[in-house]
Protein backbone atom coordinates (compact mmCIF):
# COMPACT_ATOMS: atom_id res chain seq x y z
CA MET A 1 -0.04 0.01 0.10
CA SER A 2 1.26 3.50 -0.96
CA ASP A 3 0.50 6.89 0.34
CA LYS A 4 -0.90 7.93 -3.08
CA THR A 5 -4.71 7.84 -3.63
CA PHE A 6 -6.98 7.81 -6.58
CA LYS A 7 -10.05 10.18 -6.61
CA LEU A 8 -13.45 9.47 -7.95
CA HIS A 9 -15.13 12.57 -9.31
CA ASN A 10 -18.73 13.71 -10.11
CA LEU A 11 -19.37 15.25 -13.62
CA ASP A 12 -18.99 18.63 -12.08
CA GLY A 13 -15.61 17.78 -10.72
CA SER A 14 -16.26 17.27 -7.16
CA THR A 15 -14.71 14.43 -5.28
CA ILE A 16 -16.95 11.46 -4.60
CA SER A 17 -14.33 9.27 -3.02
CA GLU A 18 -10.65 9.11 -2.49
CA LEU A 19 -9.33 5.50 -2.65
CA PRO A 20 -5.84 4.14 -1.90
CA LEU A 21 -3.50 3.01 -4.67
CA VAL A 22 -1.59 -0.23 -4.27
CA GLU A 23 1.63 -0.06 -6.28
CA GLY A 24 4.03 -3.10 -7.03
CA SER A 25 7.56 -3.07 -8.16
CA MET A 26 6.62 -3.19 -11.80
CA GLY A 27 3.39 -2.66 -13.67
CA PRO A 28 0.52 -0.38 -13.21
CA PRO A 29 -0.92 0.48 -9.78
CA ALA A 30 -4.30 -0.82 -8.58
CA VAL A 31 -6.99 1.10 -6.86
CA ASP A 32 -8.12 -0.50 -3.47
CA VAL A 33 -11.85 -0.67 -3.98
CA ARG A 34 -12.60 -2.61 -0.70
CA LYS A 35 -14.26 0.34 1.02
CA ILE A 36 -16.10 1.62 -1.97
CA PHE A 37 -19.26 -0.29 -1.17
CA ALA A 38 -19.33 1.01 2.58
CA ASP A 39 -18.59 4.66 1.23
CA GLN A 40 -20.64 4.73 -1.77
CA GLY A 41 -23.03 1.65 -1.72
CA VAL A 42 -21.97 0.33 -5.09
CA PHE A 43 -19.72 -2.71 -6.10
CA THR A 44 -17.20 -2.57 -8.94
CA TYR A 45 -18.35 -4.44 -12.18
CA ASP A 46 -15.73 -6.44 -14.14
CA PRO A 47 -16.92 -9.70 -15.75
CA GLY A 48 -14.10 -12.16 -16.37
CA PHE A 49 -12.00 -9.99 -13.76
CA GLY A 50 -9.94 -8.54 -16.70
CA ALA A 51 -9.28 -5.34 -14.96
CA THR A 52 -9.40 -6.71 -11.42
CA VAL A 53 -6.39 -7.36 -9.13
CA SER A 54 -7.17 -10.40 -6.81
CA CYS A 55 -3.92 -10.45 -4.94
CA SER A 56 -0.43 -9.27 -4.65
CA SER A 57 2.32 -11.65 -5.78
CA ASP A 58 6.08 -11.64 -6.30
CA ILE A 59 6.15 -14.91 -8.48
CA THR A 60 5.56 -13.89 -12.10
CA PHE A 61 5.36 -10.57 -14.02
CA ILE A 62 3.83 -10.03 -17.50
CA ASN A 63 3.92 -6.87 -19.61
CA GLY A 64 1.51 -7.90 -22.44
CA GLN A 65 2.19 -4.69 -24.43
CA GLU A 66 6.03 -5.19 -24.69
CA GLY A 67 5.79 -8.97 -24.61
CA VAL A 68 7.59 -9.44 -21.32
CA LEU A 69 7.56 -12.43 -18.94
CA LEU A 70 9.48 -12.70 -15.89
CA TYR A 71 9.80 -15.46 -13.16
CA ARG A 72 10.93 -14.05 -9.95
CA GLY A 73 12.42 -11.15 -11.95
CA TYR A 74 14.33 -13.32 -14.42
CA PRO A 75 13.42 -13.18 -18.19
CA ILE A 76 11.88 -16.22 -19.77
CA GLU A 77 14.38 -15.86 -22.52
CA GLN A 78 17.41 -16.26 -20.16
CA LEU A 79 15.82 -19.10 -18.21
CA ALA A 80 14.91 -21.04 -21.41
CA GLU A 81 18.54 -20.50 -22.94
CA LYS A 82 20.43 -21.18 -19.62
CA SER A 83 18.49 -23.05 -17.09
CA ASN A 84 16.34 -26.42 -16.87
CA TYR A 85 12.95 -27.14 -15.50
CA MET A 86 14.11 -28.42 -12.20
CA GLU A 87 16.05 -25.18 -11.42
CA VAL A 88 12.97 -23.11 -12.54
CA CYS A 89 10.82 -25.13 -10.20
CA TYR A 90 13.10 -24.37 -7.42
CA LEU A 91 13.12 -20.66 -8.36
CA LEU A 92 9.30 -20.37 -8.44
CA LEU A 93 8.98 -22.23 -5.19
CA ASN A 94 11.86 -20.47 -3.09
CA GLY A 95 12.16 -17.01 -4.82
CA GLU A 96 15.92 -17.38 -5.68
CA LEU A 97 17.95 -19.60 -7.94
CA PRO A 98 19.56 -22.44 -6.29
CA ASN A 99 23.23 -23.11 -5.64
CA PRO A 100 24.56 -26.42 -6.60
CA THR A 101 24.08 -27.99 -3.29
CA GLU A 102 20.62 -26.70 -2.91
CA LEU A 103 19.69 -27.88 -6.51
CA GLU A 104 21.14 -31.33 -5.89
CA GLY A 105 19.04 -31.72 -2.75
CA PHE A 106 15.81 -30.48 -4.53
CA VAL A 107 16.22 -32.85 -7.30
CA ASP A 108 17.01 -35.60 -4.99
CA SER A 109 13.81 -34.93 -3.20
CA ILE A 110 11.76 -34.76 -6.32
CA THR A 111 13.32 -38.06 -7.61
CA ASN A 112 12.52 -39.79 -4.40
CA HIS A 113 8.88 -38.73 -4.51
CA THR A 114 8.08 -40.10 -8.05
CA MET A 115 6.31 -43.33 -6.87
CA PHE A 116 2.84 -43.18 -5.52
CA ASN A 117 0.86 -45.60 -3.48
CA GLU A 118 0.18 -48.84 -5.36
CA SER A 119 -3.48 -48.89 -4.50
CA LEU A 120 -3.91 -45.56 -6.34
CA LEU A 121 -3.28 -47.64 -9.77
CA ARG A 122 -6.49 -49.47 -9.01
CA PHE A 123 -8.39 -46.16 -9.41
CA TYR A 124 -7.50 -46.18 -13.14
CA ASN A 125 -9.34 -49.38 -13.77
CA GLY A 126 -12.51 -47.51 -12.74
CA PHE A 127 -12.14 -45.41 -15.94
CA HIS A 128 -13.33 -46.51 -19.30
CA HIS A 129 -10.44 -46.74 -21.72
CA ASP A 130 -11.70 -43.78 -23.85
CA ALA A 131 -12.16 -41.63 -20.90
CA HIS A 132 -10.48 -38.15 -21.51
CA PRO A 133 -6.94 -38.18 -19.70
CA MET A 134 -7.80 -34.82 -18.12
CA ALA A 135 -10.90 -36.27 -16.49
CA MET A 136 -8.56 -39.17 -15.16
CA LEU A 137 -5.89 -36.74 -13.93
CA SER A 138 -8.24 -34.40 -12.23
CA GLY A 139 -9.79 -37.46 -10.39
CA VAL A 140 -6.64 -39.16 -9.34
CA VAL A 141 -4.89 -35.83 -8.23
CA GLY A 142 -7.94 -35.23 -5.99
CA CYS A 143 -7.62 -38.85 -4.57
CA LEU A 144 -4.33 -37.80 -3.22
CA SER A 145 -6.22 -35.87 -0.53
CA ALA A 146 -7.17 -39.30 0.85
CA PHE A 147 -3.61 -40.51 0.96
CA TYR A 148 -2.36 -37.40 2.54
CA PRO A 149 -5.27 -35.94 4.56
CA GLY A 150 -3.10 -34.54 7.54
CA VAL A 151 -1.31 -31.81 5.71
CA ASP A 152 -0.79 -28.77 8.07
CA MET A 153 -1.43 -25.98 5.49
CA HIS A 154 0.19 -23.41 7.64
CA ASN A 155 3.29 -25.39 8.45
CA ALA A 156 6.38 -24.42 6.34
CA HIS A 157 7.65 -28.13 6.22
CA ASP A 158 4.38 -29.55 5.38
CA GLN A 159 3.95 -27.05 2.56
CA MET A 160 7.38 -27.92 1.19
CA VAL A 161 6.64 -31.69 1.36
CA PHE A 162 3.46 -31.17 -0.45
CA ALA A 163 5.11 -29.18 -3.11
CA HIS A 164 7.72 -31.72 -3.72
CA ARG A 165 5.23 -34.49 -3.61
CA ILE A 166 2.86 -33.29 -6.27
CA ILE A 167 5.56 -31.88 -8.65
CA ALA A 168 7.30 -35.34 -8.53
CA LYS A 169 4.23 -37.50 -8.70
CA ILE A 170 2.10 -35.71 -11.36
CA PRO A 171 4.26 -36.95 -14.34
CA SER A 172 3.72 -40.59 -12.96
CA MET A 173 -0.01 -39.99 -12.69
CA ALA A 174 -0.24 -38.51 -16.12
CA ALA A 175 1.85 -41.38 -17.70
CA ALA A 176 -0.58 -43.85 -16.16
CA CYS A 177 -3.50 -42.17 -17.67
CA TYR A 178 -1.88 -42.59 -21.05
CA LYS A 179 -1.02 -46.06 -20.54
CA HIS A 180 -4.61 -46.80 -19.28
CA SER A 181 -5.99 -45.38 -22.31
CA LEU A 182 -3.92 -47.77 -24.53
CA GLY A 183 -4.38 -50.94 -22.35
CA GLN A 184 -0.65 -51.16 -21.80
CA PRO A 185 0.97 -51.92 -18.58
CA PHE A 186 1.81 -49.14 -16.24
CA VAL A 187 5.54 -48.10 -16.48
CA TYR A 188 7.16 -47.10 -13.17
CA PRO A 189 9.65 -44.11 -12.88
CA GLN A 190 13.13 -44.55 -13.17
CA ASN A 191 15.27 -42.72 -10.78
CA HIS A 192 18.41 -42.54 -12.73
CA LEU A 193 16.57 -40.50 -15.48
CA ASP A 194 16.06 -36.54 -15.39
CA TYR A 195 12.45 -35.30 -15.05
CA SER A 196 11.61 -34.92 -18.67
CA SER A 197 13.40 -38.07 -19.80
CA ASN A 198 11.55 -40.07 -17.00
CA LEU A 199 8.22 -38.80 -18.33
CA LEU A 200 9.02 -39.94 -21.90
CA ASN A 201 10.23 -43.30 -20.65
CA MET A 202 6.95 -43.80 -18.73
CA PHE A 203 4.92 -42.65 -21.70
CA PHE A 204 6.58 -44.75 -24.46
CA SER A 205 8.39 -47.71 -23.00
CA VAL A 206 7.01 -51.16 -22.56
CA PRO A 207 8.22 -54.09 -20.73
CA ALA A 208 8.65 -56.19 -23.70
CA GLU A 209 11.58 -54.19 -25.41
CA PRO A 210 14.22 -51.64 -24.59
CA TYR A 211 13.69 -48.10 -25.02
CA GLU A 212 15.99 -45.26 -25.30
CA VAL A 213 14.92 -41.63 -24.64
CA ASP A 214 15.58 -39.24 -27.50
CA PRO A 215 17.75 -36.36 -25.98
CA ILE A 216 16.23 -33.74 -28.36
CA ALA A 217 12.80 -34.92 -27.29
CA ALA A 218 13.73 -34.60 -23.56
CA GLU A 219 15.37 -31.17 -24.34
CA ALA A 220 12.03 -30.10 -26.15
CA MET A 221 10.01 -31.29 -23.25
CA ASP A 222 12.07 -29.49 -20.68
CA LEU A 223 11.75 -26.24 -22.50
CA LEU A 224 8.17 -26.69 -22.92
CA PHE A 225 7.73 -27.26 -19.20
CA ILE A 226 9.90 -24.06 -18.39
CA LEU A 227 7.72 -21.98 -20.73
CA HIS A 228 4.62 -23.28 -19.27
CA ALA A 229 5.56 -23.36 -15.58
CA ASP A 230 3.70 -20.22 -14.43
CA HIS A 231 1.66 -17.38 -16.04
CA GLU A 232 0.50 -15.16 -13.31
CA GLN A 233 -3.11 -15.07 -12.32
CA ASN A 234 -4.64 -17.14 -15.35
CA CYS A 235 -8.13 -19.03 -14.98
CA SER A 236 -6.54 -22.30 -13.46
CA THR A 237 -4.13 -20.46 -11.04
CA SER A 238 -6.95 -18.19 -9.87
CA THR A 239 -8.96 -21.45 -9.38
CA VAL A 240 -6.37 -23.05 -7.31
CA ARG A 241 -6.07 -19.73 -5.14
CA LEU A 242 -9.92 -19.48 -4.81
CA ALA A 243 -10.32 -23.11 -3.87
CA GLY A 244 -7.24 -23.04 -1.62
CA SER A 245 -8.62 -19.81 0.08
CA SER A 246 -11.37 -22.11 1.78
CA GLY A 247 -8.57 -24.08 3.56
CA THR A 248 -9.28 -27.24 1.52
CA ASN A 249 -6.59 -29.90 1.11
CA PRO A 250 -4.05 -28.67 -1.10
CA TYR A 251 -4.21 -31.76 -3.55
CA ALA A 252 -8.04 -30.80 -3.90
CA ALA A 253 -7.10 -27.32 -4.90
CA ILE A 254 -4.59 -28.63 -7.55
CA ALA A 255 -7.30 -30.93 -8.72
CA ALA A 256 -9.58 -27.91 -9.24
CA GLY A 257 -6.83 -26.19 -11.21
CA ILE A 258 -6.58 -29.08 -13.55
CA SER A 259 -10.14 -29.08 -14.30
CA ALA A 260 -10.11 -25.25 -14.89
CA LEU A 261 -6.95 -25.96 -17.32
CA TRP A 262 -8.95 -28.48 -19.37
CA GLY A 263 -11.05 -25.82 -21.13
CA PRO A 264 -10.31 -25.27 -24.93
CA SER A 265 -9.86 -21.43 -24.10
CA HIS A 266 -7.04 -22.22 -21.53
CA GLY A 267 -4.90 -25.42 -21.45
CA GLY A 268 -6.90 -26.90 -24.45
CA ALA A 269 -5.78 -24.39 -26.91
CA ASN A 270 -2.86 -26.48 -28.09
CA GLU A 271 -5.34 -29.42 -28.68
CA ALA A 272 -7.56 -27.03 -30.62
CA VAL A 273 -4.70 -26.02 -32.98
CA LEU A 274 -4.44 -29.65 -33.99
CA SER A 275 -8.21 -29.84 -34.55
CA MET A 276 -8.08 -26.57 -36.63
CA LEU A 277 -5.11 -27.98 -38.88
CA ALA A 278 -7.13 -31.10 -39.42
CA GLU A 279 -10.12 -29.05 -40.53
CA ILE A 280 -8.06 -26.91 -42.86
CA GLY A 281 -6.82 -30.02 -44.42
CA SER A 282 -4.25 -28.99 -46.82
CA VAL A 283 -2.08 -25.98 -47.91
CA GLU A 284 -4.51 -25.33 -51.00
CA ASN A 285 -7.30 -24.53 -48.37
CA ILE A 286 -5.25 -22.01 -46.44
CA ASP A 287 -6.46 -18.79 -48.25
CA LYS A 288 -10.10 -19.95 -47.81
CA TYR A 289 -9.81 -20.55 -44.17
CA VAL A 290 -7.88 -17.27 -43.58
CA ALA A 291 -10.71 -15.44 -45.20
CA LYS A 292 -13.08 -17.26 -43.08
CA ALA A 293 -11.14 -16.23 -39.89
CA LYS A 294 -11.40 -12.55 -41.04
CA ASP A 295 -15.21 -12.74 -41.62
CA LYS A 296 -16.80 -11.67 -38.36
CA ASN A 297 -20.02 -13.56 -39.23
CA ASP A 298 -18.10 -16.86 -39.90
CA PRO A 299 -17.71 -19.06 -36.64
CA PHE A 300 -14.30 -20.41 -37.66
CA ARG A 301 -11.28 -19.00 -35.84
CA LEU A 302 -7.63 -19.46 -36.15
CA MET A 303 -6.45 -21.36 -32.96
CA GLY A 304 -2.93 -20.59 -31.76
CA PHE A 305 -2.93 -17.04 -32.94
CA GLY A 306 -2.98 -14.06 -30.57
CA HIS A 307 -3.18 -13.95 -26.68
CA ARG A 308 -5.54 -12.34 -24.12
CA VAL A 309 -2.56 -10.84 -22.28
CA TYR A 310 0.11 -10.48 -24.98
CA LYS A 311 -0.89 -7.62 -27.43
CA ASN A 312 2.20 -7.67 -29.42
CA PHE A 313 3.73 -11.05 -29.36
CA ASP A 314 3.97 -14.00 -27.14
CA PRO A 315 7.74 -14.13 -25.87
CA ARG A 316 7.32 -17.93 -25.37
CA ALA A 317 6.32 -18.47 -28.86
CA THR A 318 9.65 -16.79 -30.14
CA ILE A 319 11.51 -19.39 -27.86
CA ILE A 320 9.60 -22.47 -28.84
CA ARG A 321 9.51 -21.69 -32.56
CA LYS A 322 13.22 -22.56 -32.70
CA MET A 323 12.74 -25.87 -30.90
CA CYS A 324 9.91 -26.76 -33.03
CA TYR A 325 12.00 -26.63 -36.11
CA LYS A 326 14.76 -28.40 -34.17
CA VAL A 327 12.42 -31.32 -33.31
CA LEU A 328 10.85 -31.49 -36.82
CA GLU A 329 14.37 -31.70 -38.41
CA ASN A 330 15.54 -34.25 -35.89
CA LEU A 331 12.52 -36.55 -36.53
CA GLY A 332 12.60 -35.94 -40.32
CA GLN A 333 9.03 -34.51 -40.24
CA VAL A 334 9.57 -31.01 -41.88
CA ASP A 335 8.09 -32.08 -45.06
CA THR A 336 5.16 -34.09 -43.93
CA PRO A 337 1.56 -32.65 -44.92
CA LEU A 338 0.57 -31.71 -41.41
CA PHE A 339 3.65 -29.75 -40.42
CA ASP A 340 3.77 -28.34 -43.97
CA LEU A 341 0.38 -26.94 -43.37
CA ALA A 342 1.16 -25.54 -40.16
CA LEU A 343 4.34 -23.82 -41.16
CA LYS A 344 2.70 -22.51 -44.29
CA LEU A 345 -0.13 -21.11 -42.08
CA GLU A 346 2.34 -19.55 -39.90
CA GLU A 347 4.04 -17.89 -42.81
CA VAL A 348 0.79 -16.44 -44.15
CA ALA A 349 -0.32 -14.94 -40.69
CA LEU A 350 3.14 -13.39 -40.13
CA LYS A 351 2.82 -11.49 -43.44
CA ASP A 352 -0.95 -10.54 -43.50
CA GLU A 353 -1.76 -7.14 -42.50
CA TYR A 354 -5.04 -8.09 -40.97
CA PHE A 355 -3.13 -10.19 -38.46
CA ILE A 356 -0.13 -7.98 -37.97
CA LYS A 357 -2.56 -5.07 -37.15
CA ARG A 358 -4.37 -6.98 -34.55
CA GLY A 359 -1.35 -8.54 -32.97
CA LEU A 360 -2.53 -11.97 -34.01
CA TYR A 361 0.87 -13.65 -34.05
CA PRO A 362 1.38 -17.48 -33.34
CA ASN A 363 1.35 -18.18 -29.76
CA VAL A 364 3.04 -20.79 -27.73
CA ASP A 365 0.02 -23.07 -28.13
CA PHE A 366 0.52 -22.96 -31.83
CA TYR A 367 4.08 -24.44 -31.48
CA SER A 368 3.64 -26.69 -28.51
CA GLY A 369 0.91 -28.48 -30.30
CA ILE A 370 3.09 -29.21 -33.16
CA ILE A 371 6.06 -30.46 -31.08
CA TYR A 372 3.70 -32.74 -28.93
CA LYS A 373 2.32 -34.27 -32.23
CA ALA A 374 5.86 -34.71 -33.71
CA LEU A 375 6.88 -36.56 -30.36
CA GLY A 376 4.08 -39.05 -30.76
CA ILE A 377 1.99 -37.58 -27.99
CA PRO A 378 -1.81 -37.95 -28.73
CA THR A 379 -3.82 -34.83 -29.02
CA SER A 380 -5.88 -35.95 -25.89
CA MET A 381 -2.79 -35.62 -23.95
CA PHE A 382 -1.71 -32.15 -24.62
CA THR A 383 -3.58 -30.47 -21.92
CA VAL A 384 -2.16 -33.13 -19.50
CA MET A 385 1.29 -32.23 -20.41
CA PHE A 386 0.32 -28.52 -19.78
CA ALA A 387 -0.88 -29.59 -16.40
CA ILE A 388 2.51 -31.29 -15.35
CA ALA A 389 4.31 -28.06 -16.30
CA ARG A 390 1.88 -25.69 -14.53
CA THR A 391 1.69 -27.66 -11.31
CA VAL A 392 4.81 -25.77 -9.90
CA GLY A 393 3.09 -22.51 -10.66
CA TRP A 394 0.00 -23.69 -8.98
CA VAL A 395 1.77 -24.80 -5.92
CA ALA A 396 4.02 -21.56 -5.79
CA ASN A 397 0.71 -19.34 -5.94
CA TRP A 398 -0.93 -21.57 -3.42
CA THR A 399 1.93 -21.43 -0.90
CA GLU A 400 2.18 -17.70 -1.43
CA MET A 401 -1.69 -17.18 -0.77
CA MET A 402 -1.47 -19.44 2.44
CA ASN A 403 1.27 -17.39 3.88
CA ALA A 404 -0.09 -13.94 3.04
CA PRO A 405 -1.24 -12.07 6.06
CA SER A 406 -4.12 -10.57 4.09
CA ARG A 407 -5.51 -13.98 3.13
CA ARG A 408 -9.24 -14.48 3.19
CA ILE A 409 -11.66 -16.78 1.64
CA GLY A 410 -12.42 -15.68 -2.03
CA ARG A 411 -16.10 -14.19 -2.38
CA PRO A 412 -16.83 -12.57 -5.66
CA ARG A 413 -19.96 -10.31 -5.66
CA GLN A 414 -22.62 -10.18 -8.40
CA VAL A 415 -25.26 -7.90 -10.03
CA TYR A 416 -28.64 -9.74 -9.49
CA THR A 417 -30.80 -9.56 -12.66
CA GLY A 418 -33.54 -12.16 -11.64
CA ALA A 419 -37.14 -11.64 -10.51
CA VAL A 420 -37.85 -9.22 -7.58
CA LYS A 421 -39.42 -10.46 -4.49
CA ARG A 422 -42.66 -12.39 -5.08
CA ASP A 423 -45.17 -14.55 -3.13
CA TYR A 424 -45.29 -18.22 -3.37
CA VAL A 425 -48.53 -19.55 -5.30
CA GLY A 426 -49.70 -23.16 -4.49
CA ILE A 427 -49.59 -25.61 -7.28
CA ASP A 428 -53.30 -25.83 -7.44
CA LYS A 429 -53.55 -22.29 -8.27
CA ARG A 430 -50.87 -22.21 -11.01
């Protein structure tokens, strides 16, 4: 809270209210409207909370106009080039980059928590083989509340153990979702593999034959996880905070975040990109579909272009674009019809004045979907991959919220538009 205030005025210039300003270290200030109802008898109205600050946070900063994304002050470009996902996890959870000893201890802790209770595997047998993996994942993660019911949410040690457990176990649970959908045996984690390699091994290895993780595939996965690790107060993160504000078991709060992420406007966007490419069909149809995208009366939309927050370009897309080409070249898939279509669509959009004027550049979802497809990950698992990466961001935000002195249960208000008070009429008179 700063000493500065924001004044609300009547049309004649007289002051109605003088409200405190809340200023952060970067970004625009916020008007503290908590007392406006008591002073003026009105609420603030902001459907979708697009202009509402729900909390103060020192985890992630975004400047959508300039295409800036910082984790704990570190530019995403530097972390993507020089760091790795485990180090980024430590940074998001603890606020600072680890020294070698701290990083080694953190990685050891994550590695030693990758297994989950064997009885949890039986839960998967309750799902039909074609159940959506996100439905399975949200259900199984929620079940962890039954295995770890005694979490003291206000105890720093318990918070740390929870954080390490869920970050470690979610790849194992996600891989089990995939194996169940295939009818293949579950593959247990291997402690000699790094985080991303372990995930790929649990996805694609089978007991009948040896499997070697492609190092470029593991590198691409690690980069995607870094880029998706956190993204400020998005829908799923806000859901975790809102659920967690009630004091619910933290595993239940993460399950709520997974459910929120599932939507096609959020974590399902990269899945929607592949569906869009399938609808377009071939390079010859690009002009036709670009015209449809420009037509306000046509329901078709180009998925994977533009971003609600980034009004210029998505800095993550610039980073992942290079990795996209690297993966395609490594797998010899640059000239396949699907990827030829995707890259041609990218080329057209980057040059078209309509898209340039509106800032509709390819975003991270456009390229991540292409990479996942190239690596052999089915479309239905794309959002699951997002959930694995974003878990650390959810946990960091949950921990920050639980330790905030100003924490209170979330309770948005509404403008009621229903019937006014009326008397009940018996069914015999209706």
